[in-house]
Amino acid sequence: MQHLGKAAQEAIDQNELRVSPAVVLELEYLHEIGRLGPGARKIAGALAAELGLRICDLPFPAIVDCALQEKWTRDPFDRLIVAHAKVQGAPLITKDEKIRRHYRRAIW
């Protein structure tokens, strides 16, 4: 497991944790192509039990509307994940440098 940065750890300790459904789908995709061992349900279940993580239930049309404005990437998962955080006005914990360059509230 990769170690979190100080800002990311503080955000986890101080906030209610929600994850975009797009993250869950991307985890399953990575599992299916062999880049990730456990499946998305197993990971999400473990994080829910350990950290209280919940899957966010914002309306999908609002997320897609925001994602349409994210022209900095062709990765549909990244567009949806960033849009989800933007619609919530929430910080986004990610190690992804490209996301951190384009979403001012991204932290690691």
PDB file of N, CA and C in Angstrom:
ATOM      1  N   MET A   1       0.835  -1.181   0.000  1.00  0.00           N
ATOM      2  CA  MET A   1       0.000   0.000   0.000  1.00  0.00           C
ATOM      3  C   MET A   1       0.881   1.246   0.000  1.00  0.00           C
ATOM      4  N   GLN A   2       0.521   2.206  -0.803  1.00  0.00           N
ATOM      5  CA  GLN A   2       1.280   3.443  -0.870  1.00  0.00           C
ATOM      6  C   GLN A   2       0.934   4.319   0.324  1.00  0.00           C
ATOM      7  N   HIS A   3       1.924   5.044   0.786  1.00  0.00           N
ATOM      8  CA  HIS A   3       1.708   5.923   1.918  1.00  0.00           C
ATOM      9  C   HIS A   3       1.081   7.227   1.446  1.00  0.00           C
ATOM     10  N   LEU A   4       0.136   7.705   2.221  1.00  0.00           N
ATOM     11  CA  LEU A   4      -0.530   8.961   1.903  1.00  0.00           C
ATOM     12  C   LEU A   4       0.327  10.136   2.318  1.00  0.00           C
ATOM     13  N   GLY A   5       0.154  11.247   1.617  1.00  0.00           N
ATOM     14  CA  GLY A   5       0.791  12.481   2.029  1.00  0.00           C
ATOM     15  C   GLY A   5       0.103  13.011   3.277  1.00  0.00           C
ATOM     16  N   LYS A   6       0.751  13.950   3.930  1.00  0.00           N
ATOM     17  CA  LYS A   6       0.223  14.518   5.171  1.00  0.00           C
ATOM     18  C   LYS A   6      -1.143  15.171   4.950  1.00  0.00           C
ATOM     19  N   ALA A   7      -1.293  15.942   3.876  1.00  0.00           N
ATOM     20  CA  ALA A   7      -2.563  16.616   3.595  1.00  0.00           C
ATOM     21  C   ALA A   7      -3.686  15.606   3.364  1.00  0.00           C
ATOM     22  N   ALA A   8      -3.375  14.529   2.665  1.00  0.00           N
ATOM     23  CA  ALA A   8      -4.382  13.501   2.408  1.00  0.00           C
ATOM     24  C   ALA A   8      -4.798  12.818   3.705  1.00  0.00           C
ATOM     25  N   GLN A   9      -3.837  12.494   4.548  1.00  0.00           N
ATOM     26  CA  GLN A   9      -4.155  11.847   5.825  1.00  0.00           C
ATOM     27  C   GLN A   9      -4.994  12.756   6.712  1.00  0.00           C
ATOM     28  N   GLU A  10      -4.668  14.033   6.747  1.00  0.00           N
ATOM     29  CA  GLU A  10      -5.458  14.986   7.534  1.00  0.00           C
ATOM     30  C   GLU A  10      -6.883  15.084   7.009  1.00  0.00           C
ATOM     31  N   ALA A  11      -7.043  15.106   5.695  1.00  0.00           N
ATOM     32  CA  ALA A  11      -8.386  15.170   5.103  1.00  0.00           C
ATOM     33  C   ALA A  11      -9.203  13.936   5.475  1.00  0.00           C
ATOM     34  N   ILE A  12      -8.572  12.778   5.470  1.00  0.00           N
ATOM     35  CA  ILE A  12      -9.262  11.539   5.847  1.00  0.00           C
ATOM     36  C   ILE A  12      -9.674  11.588   7.311  1.00  0.00           C
ATOM     37  N   ASP A  13      -8.791  12.074   8.146  1.00  0.00           N
ATOM     38  CA  ASP A  13      -9.070  12.120   9.583  1.00  0.00           C
ATOM     39  C   ASP A  13     -10.151  13.136   9.956  1.00  0.00           C
ATOM     40  N   GLN A  14     -10.316  14.178   9.145  1.00  0.00           N
ATOM     41  CA  GLN A  14     -11.181  15.288   9.525  1.00  0.00           C
ATOM     42  C   GLN A  14     -12.491  15.373   8.752  1.00  0.00           C
ATOM     43  N   ASN A  15     -12.717  14.507   7.786  1.00  0.00           N
ATOM     44  CA  ASN A  15     -13.896  14.643   6.928  1.00  0.00           C
ATOM     45  C   ASN A  15     -14.647  13.330   6.768  1.00  0.00           C
ATOM     46  N   GLU A  16     -15.907  13.472   6.419  1.00  0.00           N
ATOM     47  CA  GLU A  16     -16.698  12.314   6.003  1.00  0.00           C
ATOM     48  C   GLU A  16     -16.192  11.911   4.625  1.00  0.00           C
ATOM     49  N   LEU A  17     -15.896  10.649   4.448  1.00  0.00           N
ATOM     50  CA  LEU A  17     -15.295  10.192   3.199  1.00  0.00           C
ATOM     51  C   LEU A  17     -16.342   9.654   2.241  1.00  0.00           C
ATOM     52  N   ARG A  18     -16.303  10.189   1.027  1.00  0.00           N
ATOM     53  CA  ARG A  18     -17.173   9.719  -0.044  1.00  0.00           C
ATOM     54  C   ARG A  18     -16.317   9.446  -1.259  1.00  0.00           C
ATOM     55  N   VAL A  19     -16.758   8.493  -2.027  1.00  0.00           N
ATOM     56  CA  VAL A  19     -16.040   8.134  -3.247  1.00  0.00           C
ATOM     57  C   VAL A  19     -17.029   8.181  -4.410  1.00  0.00           C
ATOM     58  N   SER A  20     -16.548   8.668  -5.523  1.00  0.00           N
ATOM     59  CA  SER A  20     -17.360   8.692  -6.730  1.00  0.00           C
ATOM     60  C   SER A  20     -17.607   7.266  -7.203  1.00  0.00           C
ATOM     61  N   PRO A  21     -18.809   6.962  -7.687  1.00  0.00           N
ATOM     62  CA  PRO A  21     -19.035   5.640  -8.277  1.00  0.00           C
ATOM     63  C   PRO A  21     -18.075   5.365  -9.434  1.00  0.00           C
ATOM     64  N   ALA A  22     -17.575   6.425 -10.080  1.00  0.00           N
ATOM     65  CA  ALA A  22     -16.608   6.246 -11.170  1.00  0.00           C
ATOM     66  C   ALA A  22     -15.313   5.619 -10.647  1.00  0.00           C
ATOM     67  N   VAL A  23     -14.954   5.910  -9.408  1.00  0.00           N
ATOM     68  CA  VAL A  23     -13.767   5.296  -8.812  1.00  0.00           C
ATOM     69  C   VAL A  23     -13.985   3.791  -8.667  1.00  0.00           C
ATOM     70  N   VAL A  24     -15.157   3.413  -8.213  1.00  0.00           N
ATOM     71  CA  VAL A  24     -15.470   1.995  -8.032  1.00  0.00           C
ATOM     72  C   VAL A  24     -15.417   1.275  -9.381  1.00  0.00           C
ATOM     73  N   LEU A  25     -15.976   1.888 -10.397  1.00  0.00           N
ATOM     74  CA  LEU A  25     -15.948   1.289 -11.729  1.00  0.00           C
ATOM     75  C   LEU A  25     -14.510   1.183 -12.249  1.00  0.00           C
ATOM     76  N   GLU A  26     -13.702   2.215 -12.033  1.00  0.00           N
ATOM     77  CA  GLU A  26     -12.312   2.169 -12.489  1.00  0.00           C
ATOM     78  C   GLU A  26     -11.523   1.087 -11.745  1.00  0.00           C
ATOM     79  N   LEU A  27     -11.772   0.930 -10.449  1.00  0.00           N
ATOM     80  CA  LEU A  27     -11.111  -0.136  -9.693  1.00  0.00           C
ATOM     81  C   LEU A  27     -11.448  -1.507 -10.262  1.00  0.00           C
ATOM     82  N   GLU A  28     -12.704  -1.704 -10.608  1.00  0.00           N
ATOM     83  CA  GLU A  28     -13.108  -2.995 -11.176  1.00  0.00           C
ATOM     84  C   GLU A  28     -12.453  -3.217 -12.536  1.00  0.00           C
ATOM     85  N   TYR A  29     -12.399  -2.166 -13.323  1.00  0.00           N
ATOM     86  CA  TYR A  29     -11.725  -2.243 -14.622  1.00  0.00           C
ATOM     87  C   TYR A  29     -10.261  -2.652 -14.438  1.00  0.00           C
ATOM     88  N   LEU A  30      -9.566  -2.005 -13.506  1.00  0.00           N
ATOM     89  CA  LEU A  30      -8.163  -2.333 -13.243  1.00  0.00           C
ATOM     90  C   LEU A  30      -8.009  -3.771 -12.751  1.00  0.00           C
ATOM     91  N   HIS A  31      -8.962  -4.235 -11.972  1.00  0.00           N
ATOM     92  CA  HIS A  31      -8.954  -5.633 -11.522  1.00  0.00           C
ATOM     93  C   HIS A  31      -9.117  -6.577 -12.722  1.00  0.00           C
ATOM     94  N   GLU A  32     -10.047  -6.265 -13.598  1.00  0.00           N
ATOM     95  CA  GLU A  32     -10.333  -7.121 -14.751  1.00  0.00           C
ATOM     96  C   GLU A  32      -9.156  -7.239 -15.712  1.00  0.00           C
ATOM     97  N   ILE A  33      -8.367  -6.170 -15.834  1.00  0.00           N
ATOM     98  CA  ILE A  33      -7.231  -6.231 -16.759  1.00  0.00           C
ATOM     99  C   ILE A  33      -5.945  -6.669 -16.066  1.00  0.00           C
ATOM    100  N   GLY A  34      -6.055  -7.053 -14.784  1.00  0.00           N
ATOM    101  CA  GLY A  34      -4.930  -7.618 -14.068  1.00  0.00           C
ATOM    102  C   GLY A  34      -3.984  -6.619 -13.420  1.00  0.00           C
ATOM    103  N   ARG A  35      -4.364  -5.348 -13.357  1.00  0.00           N
ATOM    104  CA  ARG A  35      -3.488  -4.344 -12.736  1.00  0.00           C
ATOM    105  C   ARG A  35      -3.782  -4.146 -11.256  1.00  0.00           C
ATOM    106  N   LEU A  36      -4.817  -4.817 -10.760  1.00  0.00           N
ATOM    107  CA  LEU A  36      -5.207  -4.688  -9.355  1.00  0.00           C
ATOM    108  C   LEU A  36      -5.695  -6.047  -8.894  1.00  0.00           C
ATOM    109  N   GLY A  37      -5.211  -6.492  -7.748  1.00  0.00           N
ATOM    110  CA  GLY A  37      -5.567  -7.814  -7.246  1.00  0.00           C
ATOM    111  C   GLY A  37      -7.040  -7.958  -6.880  1.00  0.00           C
ATOM    112  N   PRO A  38      -7.457  -7.353  -5.785  1.00  0.00           N
ATOM    113  CA  PRO A  38      -8.853  -7.520  -5.365  1.00  0.00           C
ATOM    114  C   PRO A  38      -9.812  -6.702  -6.229  1.00  0.00           C
ATOM    115  N   GLY A  39     -11.053  -7.156  -6.269  1.00  0.00           N
ATOM    116  CA  GLY A  39     -12.072  -6.459  -7.036  1.00  0.00           C
ATOM    117  C   GLY A  39     -12.579  -5.216  -6.310  1.00  0.00           C
ATOM    118  N   ALA A  40     -13.346  -4.405  -7.036  1.00  0.00           N
ATOM    119  CA  ALA A  40     -13.838  -3.128  -6.516  1.00  0.00           C
ATOM    120  C   ALA A  40     -14.727  -3.299  -5.287  1.00  0.00           C
ATOM    121  N   ARG A  41     -15.611  -4.271  -5.301  1.00  0.00           N
ATOM    122  CA  ARG A  41     -16.509  -4.471  -4.150  1.00  0.00           C
ATOM    123  C   ARG A  41     -15.727  -4.801  -2.883  1.00  0.00           C
ATOM    124  N   LYS A  42     -14.700  -5.620  -3.032  1.00  0.00           N
ATOM    125  CA  LYS A  42     -13.880  -5.986  -1.878  1.00  0.00           C
ATOM    126  C   LYS A  42     -13.142  -4.760  -1.330  1.00  0.00           C
ATOM    127  N   ILE A  43     -12.567  -3.964  -2.224  1.00  0.00           N
ATOM    128  CA  ILE A  43     -11.850  -2.760  -1.798  1.00  0.00           C
ATOM    129  C   ILE A  43     -12.806  -1.766  -1.149  1.00  0.00           C
ATOM    130  N   ALA A  44     -13.935  -1.509  -1.805  1.00  0.00           N
ATOM    131  CA  ALA A  44     -14.908  -0.551  -1.261  1.00  0.00           C
ATOM    132  C   ALA A  44     -15.443  -1.029   0.086  1.00  0.00           C
ATOM    133  N   GLY A  45     -15.697  -2.312   0.219  1.00  0.00           N
ATOM    134  CA  GLY A  45     -16.176  -2.861   1.488  1.00  0.00           C
ATOM    135  C   GLY A  45     -15.151  -2.706   2.602  1.00  0.00           C
ATOM    136  N   ALA A  46     -13.893  -2.971   2.281  1.00  0.00           N
ATOM    137  CA  ALA A  46     -12.832  -2.833   3.281  1.00  0.00           C
ATOM    138  C   ALA A  46     -12.667  -1.380   3.712  1.00  0.00           C
ATOM    139  N   LEU A  47     -12.717  -0.458   2.760  1.00  0.00           N
ATOM    140  CA  LEU A  47     -12.588   0.959   3.102  1.00  0.00           C
ATOM    141  C   LEU A  47     -13.804   1.478   3.862  1.00  0.00           C
ATOM    142  N   ALA A  48     -14.963   0.943   3.564  1.00  0.00           N
ATOM    143  CA  ALA A  48     -16.158   1.320   4.313  1.00  0.00           C
ATOM    144  C   ALA A  48     -16.028   0.873   5.764  1.00  0.00           C
ATOM    145  N   ALA A  49     -15.572  -0.348   5.956  1.00  0.00           N
ATOM    146  CA  ALA A  49     -15.419  -0.884   7.312  1.00  0.00           C
ATOM    147  C   ALA A  49     -14.308  -0.177   8.074  1.00  0.00           C
ATOM    148  N   GLU A  50     -13.205   0.091   7.402  1.00  0.00           N
ATOM    149  CA  GLU A  50     -12.031   0.665   8.072  1.00  0.00           C
ATOM    150  C   GLU A  50     -12.128   2.175   8.274  1.00  0.00           C
ATOM    151  N   LEU A  51     -12.669   2.882   7.262  1.00  0.00           N
ATOM    152  CA  LEU A  51     -12.653   4.347   7.301  1.00  0.00           C
ATOM    153  C   LEU A  51     -14.032   4.993   7.272  1.00  0.00           C
ATOM    154  N   GLY A  52     -15.080   4.191   7.111  1.00  0.00           N
ATOM    155  CA  GLY A  52     -16.420   4.758   6.996  1.00  0.00           C
ATOM    156  C   GLY A  52     -16.709   5.341   5.620  1.00  0.00           C
ATOM    157  N   LEU A  53     -15.967   4.926   4.629  1.00  0.00           N
ATOM    158  CA  LEU A  53     -16.135   5.420   3.267  1.00  0.00           C
ATOM    159  C   LEU A  53     -17.518   5.064   2.730  1.00  0.00           C
ATOM    160  N   ARG A  54     -18.161   6.043   2.071  1.00  0.00           N
ATOM    161  CA  ARG A  54     -19.452   5.807   1.429  1.00  0.00           C
ATOM    162  C   ARG A  54     -19.349   6.140  -0.051  1.00  0.00           C
ATOM    163  N   ILE A  55     -20.144   5.464  -0.848  1.00  0.00           N
ATOM    164  CA  ILE A  55     -20.234   5.803  -2.266  1.00  0.00           C
ATOM    165  C   ILE A  55     -21.223   6.954  -2.389  1.00  0.00           C
ATOM    166  N   CYS A  56     -20.785   8.019  -3.029  1.00  0.00           N
ATOM    167  CA  CYS A  56     -21.605   9.218  -3.160  1.00  0.00           C
ATOM    168  C   CYS A  56     -22.767   8.965  -4.117  1.00  0.00           C
ATOM    169  N   ASP A  57     -23.903   9.559  -3.797  1.00  0.00           N
ATOM    170  CA  ASP A  57     -25.092   9.323  -4.613  1.00  0.00           C
ATOM    171  C   ASP A  57     -25.614  10.593  -5.291  1.00  0.00           C
ATOM    172  N   LEU A  58     -24.722  11.500  -5.632  1.00  0.00           N
ATOM    173  CA  LEU A  58     -25.143  12.685  -6.376  1.00  0.00           C
ATOM    174  C   LEU A  58     -25.763  12.265  -7.706  1.00  0.00           C
ATOM    175  N   PRO A  59     -26.696  13.049  -8.230  1.00  0.00           N
ATOM    176  CA  PRO A  59     -27.327  12.707  -9.518  1.00  0.00           C
ATOM    177  C   PRO A  59     -26.302  12.661 -10.656  1.00  0.00           C
ATOM    178  N   PHE A  60     -26.312  11.572 -11.397  1.00  0.00           N
ATOM    179  CA  PHE A  60     -25.356  11.367 -12.473  1.00  0.00           C
ATOM    180  C   PHE A  60     -25.414  12.455 -13.545  1.00  0.00           C
ATOM    181  N   PRO A  61     -26.593  12.932 -13.945  1.00  0.00           N
ATOM    182  CA  PRO A  61     -26.613  14.004 -14.961  1.00  0.00           C
ATOM    183  C   PRO A  61     -25.842  15.256 -14.536  1.00  0.00           C
ATOM    184  N   ALA A  62     -25.856  15.600 -13.269  1.00  0.00           N
ATOM    185  CA  ALA A  62     -25.097  16.765 -12.798  1.00  0.00           C
ATOM    186  C   ALA A  62     -23.594  16.515 -12.910  1.00  0.00           C
ATOM    187  N   ILE A  63     -23.179  15.291 -12.648  1.00  0.00           N
ATOM    188  CA  ILE A  63     -21.764  14.936 -12.740  1.00  0.00           C
ATOM    189  C   ILE A  63     -21.315  14.982 -14.199  1.00  0.00           C
ATOM    190  N   VAL A  64     -22.104  14.403 -15.081  1.00  0.00           N
ATOM    191  CA  VAL A  64     -21.753  14.395 -16.504  1.00  0.00           C
ATOM    192  C   VAL A  64     -21.706  15.815 -17.047  1.00  0.00           C
ATOM    193  N   ASP A  65     -22.651  16.666 -16.661  1.00  0.00           N
ATOM    194  CA  ASP A  65     -22.664  18.051 -17.121  1.00  0.00           C
ATOM    195  C   ASP A  65     -21.356  18.747 -16.751  1.00  0.00           C
ATOM    196  N   CYS A  66     -20.893  18.530 -15.545  1.00  0.00           N
ATOM    197  CA  CYS A  66     -19.624  19.108 -15.106  1.00  0.00           C
ATOM    198  C   CYS A  66     -18.454  18.456 -15.835  1.00  0.00           C
ATOM    199  N   ALA A  67     -18.496  17.154 -16.031  1.00  0.00           N
ATOM    200  CA  ALA A  67     -17.407  16.426 -16.703  1.00  0.00           C
ATOM    201  C   ALA A  67     -17.226  16.888 -18.147  1.00  0.00           C
ATOM    202  N   LEU A  68     -18.298  17.344 -18.764  1.00  0.00           N
ATOM    203  CA  LEU A  68     -18.198  17.833 -20.139  1.00  0.00           C
ATOM    204  C   LEU A  68     -17.268  19.032 -20.254  1.00  0.00           C
ATOM    205  N   GLN A  69     -17.038  19.717 -19.160  1.00  0.00           N
ATOM    206  CA  GLN A  69     -16.171  20.900 -19.147  1.00  0.00           C
ATOM    207  C   GLN A  69     -14.704  20.556 -18.878  1.00  0.00           C
ATOM    208  N   GLU A  70     -14.425  19.333 -18.521  1.00  0.00           N
ATOM    209  CA  GLU A  70     -13.059  18.910 -18.191  1.00  0.00           C
ATOM    210  C   GLU A  70     -12.338  18.495 -19.469  1.00  0.00           C
ATOM    211  N   LYS A  71     -11.813  19.452 -20.175  1.00  0.00           N
ATOM    212  CA  LYS A  71     -11.189  19.212 -21.490  1.00  0.00           C
ATOM    213  C   LYS A  71      -9.715  18.836 -21.394  1.00  0.00           C
ATOM    214  N   TRP A  72      -9.130  18.813 -20.210  1.00  0.00           N
ATOM    215  CA  TRP A  72      -7.699  18.593 -20.025  1.00  0.00           C
ATOM    216  C   TRP A  72      -7.294  17.122 -20.121  1.00  0.00           C
ATOM    217  N   THR A  73      -8.263  16.212 -20.218  1.00  0.00           N
ATOM    218  CA  THR A  73      -7.940  14.791 -20.307  1.00  0.00           C
ATOM    219  C   THR A  73      -8.953  14.070 -21.182  1.00  0.00           C
ATOM    220  N   ARG A  74      -8.512  12.981 -21.774  1.00  0.00           N
ATOM    221  CA  ARG A  74      -9.408  12.107 -22.549  1.00  0.00           C
ATOM    222  C   ARG A  74      -9.835  10.912 -21.706  1.00  0.00           C
ATOM    223  N   ASP A  75      -9.330  10.796 -20.490  1.00  0.00           N
ATOM    224  CA  ASP A  75      -9.660   9.671 -19.621  1.00  0.00           C
ATOM    225  C   ASP A  75     -11.047   9.892 -19.014  1.00  0.00           C
ATOM    226  N   PRO A  76     -12.031   9.076 -19.394  1.00  0.00           N
ATOM    227  CA  PRO A  76     -13.384   9.305 -18.885  1.00  0.00           C
ATOM    228  C   PRO A  76     -13.487   9.142 -17.366  1.00  0.00           C
ATOM    229  N   PHE A  77     -12.703   8.252 -16.796  1.00  0.00           N
ATOM    230  CA  PHE A  77     -12.741   8.084 -15.341  1.00  0.00           C
ATOM    231  C   PHE A  77     -12.249   9.355 -14.646  1.00  0.00           C
ATOM    232  N   ASP A  78     -11.124   9.898 -15.107  1.00  0.00           N
ATOM    233  CA  ASP A  78     -10.592  11.111 -14.493  1.00  0.00           C
ATOM    234  C   ASP A  78     -11.581  12.268 -14.615  1.00  0.00           C
ATOM    235  N   ARG A  79     -12.204  12.383 -15.772  1.00  0.00           N
ATOM    236  CA  ARG A  79     -13.177  13.467 -15.965  1.00  0.00           C
ATOM    237  C   ARG A  79     -14.340  13.337 -14.983  1.00  0.00           C
ATOM    238  N   LEU A  80     -14.865  12.129 -14.843  1.00  0.00           N
ATOM    239  CA  LEU A  80     -15.998  11.921 -13.938  1.00  0.00           C
ATOM    240  C   LEU A  80     -15.599  12.092 -12.472  1.00  0.00           C
ATOM    241  N   ILE A  81     -14.437  11.604 -12.106  1.00  0.00           N
ATOM    242  CA  ILE A  81     -13.988  11.691 -10.716  1.00  0.00           C
ATOM    243  C   ILE A  81     -13.768  13.149 -10.317  1.00  0.00           C
ATOM    244  N   VAL A  82     -13.093  13.918 -11.168  1.00  0.00           N
ATOM    245  CA  VAL A  82     -12.877  15.334 -10.872  1.00  0.00           C
ATOM    246  C   VAL A  82     -14.209  16.078 -10.864  1.00  0.00           C
ATOM    247  N   ALA A  83     -15.066  15.799 -11.822  1.00  0.00           N
ATOM    248  CA  ALA A  83     -16.377  16.458 -11.863  1.00  0.00           C
ATOM    249  C   ALA A  83     -17.173  16.171 -10.600  1.00  0.00           C
ATOM    250  N   HIS A  84     -17.108  14.955 -10.129  1.00  0.00           N
ATOM    251  CA  HIS A  84     -17.826  14.580  -8.911  1.00  0.00           C
ATOM    252  C   HIS A  84     -17.361  15.431  -7.735  1.00  0.00           C
ATOM    253  N   ALA A  85     -16.059  15.576  -7.601  1.00  0.00           N
ATOM    254  CA  ALA A  85     -15.522  16.411  -6.520  1.00  0.00           C
ATOM    255  C   ALA A  85     -15.928  17.867  -6.706  1.00  0.00           C
ATOM    256  N   LYS A  86     -15.864  18.363  -7.930  1.00  0.00           N
ATOM    257  CA  LYS A  86     -16.228  19.760  -8.197  1.00  0.00           C
ATOM    258  C   LYS A  86     -17.686  20.035  -7.861  1.00  0.00           C
ATOM    259  N   VAL A  87     -18.575  19.158  -8.267  1.00  0.00           N
ATOM    260  CA  VAL A  87     -20.000  19.359  -7.987  1.00  0.00           C
ATOM    261  C   VAL A  87     -20.241  19.433  -6.480  1.00  0.00           C
ATOM    262  N   GLN A  88     -19.501  18.648  -5.728  1.00  0.00           N
ATOM    263  CA  GLN A  88     -19.623  18.662  -4.268  1.00  0.00           C
ATOM    264  C   GLN A  88     -18.874  19.825  -3.640  1.00  0.00           C
ATOM    265  N   GLY A  89     -17.967  20.448  -4.391  1.00  0.00           N
ATOM    266  CA  GLY A  89     -17.093  21.465  -3.818  1.00  0.00           C
ATOM    267  C   GLY A  89     -16.151  20.846  -2.803  1.00  0.00           C
ATOM    268  N   ALA A  90     -15.730  19.628  -3.085  1.00  0.00           N
ATOM    269  CA  ALA A  90     -14.979  18.824  -2.122  1.00  0.00           C
ATOM    270  C   ALA A  90     -13.525  18.663  -2.535  1.00  0.00           C
ATOM    271  N   PRO A  91     -12.658  18.442  -1.548  1.00  0.00           N
ATOM    272  CA  PRO A  91     -11.287  18.076  -1.887  1.00  0.00           C
ATOM    273  C   PRO A  91     -11.275  16.676  -2.501  1.00  0.00           C
ATOM    274  N   LEU A  92     -10.245  16.401  -3.267  1.00  0.00           N
ATOM    275  CA  LEU A  92     -10.099  15.108  -3.922  1.00  0.00           C
ATOM    276  C   LEU A  92      -8.720  14.560  -3.573  1.00  0.00           C
ATOM    277  N   ILE A  93      -8.692  13.426  -2.913  1.00  0.00           N
ATOM    278  CA  ILE A  93      -7.426  12.802  -2.555  1.00  0.00           C
ATOM    279  C   ILE A  93      -6.974  11.945  -3.728  1.00  0.00           C
ATOM    280  N   THR A  94      -5.823  12.303  -4.282  1.00  0.00           N
ATOM    281  CA  THR A  94      -5.291  11.551  -5.414  1.00  0.00           C
ATOM    282  C   THR A  94      -3.783  11.728  -5.518  1.00  0.00           C
ATOM    283  N   LYS A  95      -3.123  10.672  -5.917  1.00  0.00           N
ATOM    284  CA  LYS A  95      -1.692  10.743  -6.186  1.00  0.00           C
ATOM    285  C   LYS A  95      -1.440  11.192  -7.619  1.00  0.00           C
ATOM    286  N   ASP A  96      -2.465  11.157  -8.439  1.00  0.00           N
ATOM    287  CA  ASP A  96      -2.354  11.484  -9.858  1.00  0.00           C
ATOM    288  C   ASP A  96      -1.928  12.951 -10.046  1.00  0.00           C
ATOM    289  N   GLU A  97      -0.722  13.138 -10.580  1.00  0.00           N
ATOM    290  CA  GLU A  97      -0.180  14.490 -10.742  1.00  0.00           C
ATOM    291  C   GLU A  97      -0.970  15.328 -11.737  1.00  0.00           C
ATOM    292  N   LYS A  98      -1.460  14.702 -12.787  1.00  0.00           N
ATOM    293  CA  LYS A  98      -2.218  15.449 -13.789  1.00  0.00           C
ATOM    294  C   LYS A  98      -3.507  15.992 -13.180  1.00  0.00           C
ATOM    295  N   ILE A  99      -4.190  15.179 -12.407  1.00  0.00           N
ATOM    296  CA  ILE A  99      -5.399  15.655 -11.734  1.00  0.00           C
ATOM    297  C   ILE A  99      -5.039  16.780 -10.776  1.00  0.00           C
ATOM    298  N   ARG A 100      -3.969  16.621 -10.041  1.00  0.00           N
ATOM    299  CA  ARG A 100      -3.580  17.661  -9.072  1.00  0.00           C
ATOM    300  C   ARG A 100      -3.237  18.977  -9.772  1.00  0.00           C
ATOM    301  N   ARG A 101      -2.717  18.913 -10.978  1.00  0.00           N
ATOM    302  CA  ARG A 101      -2.426  20.144 -11.732  1.00  0.00           C
ATOM    303  C   ARG A 101      -3.705  20.841 -12.199  1.00  0.00           C
ATOM    304  N   HIS A 102      -4.768  20.078 -12.427  1.00  0.00           N
ATOM    305  CA  HIS A 102      -5.972  20.650 -13.029  1.00  0.00           C
ATOM    306  C   HIS A 102      -7.137  20.854 -12.066  1.00  0.00           C
ATOM    307  N   TYR A 103      -7.059  20.279 -10.893  1.00  0.00           N
ATOM    308  CA  TYR A 103      -8.125  20.493  -9.904  1.00  0.00           C
ATOM    309  C   TYR A 103      -7.477  21.072  -8.655  1.00  0.00           C
ATOM    310  N   ARG A 104      -7.726  22.327  -8.407  1.00  0.00           N
ATOM    311  CA  ARG A 104      -7.026  23.048  -7.341  1.00  0.00           C
ATOM    312  C   ARG A 104      -7.272  22.464  -5.944  1.00  0.00           C
ATOM    313  N   ARG A 105      -8.341  21.709  -5.758  1.00  0.00           N
ATOM    314  CA  ARG A 105      -8.641  21.132  -4.452  1.00  0.00           C
ATOM    315  C   ARG A 105      -8.134  19.698  -4.311  1.00  0.00           C
ATOM    316  N   ALA A 106      -7.403  19.228  -5.307  1.00  0.00           N
ATOM    317  CA  ALA A 106      -6.808  17.876  -5.222  1.00  0.00           C
ATOM    318  C   ALA A 106      -5.623  17.914  -4.288  1.00  0.00           C
ATOM    319  N   ILE A 107      -5.516  16.899  -3.448  1.00  0.00           N
ATOM    320  CA  ILE A 107      -4.432  16.836  -2.458  1.00  0.00           C
ATOM    321  C   ILE A 107      -3.804  15.449  -2.445  1.00  0.00           C
ATOM    322  N   TRP A 108      -2.584  15.414  -1.991  1.00  0.00           N
ATOM    323  CA  TRP A 108      -1.891  14.161  -1.735  1.00  0.00           C
ATOM    324  C   TRP A 108      -0.985  14.375  -0.576  1.00  0.00           C
TER     325      TRP A 108
END
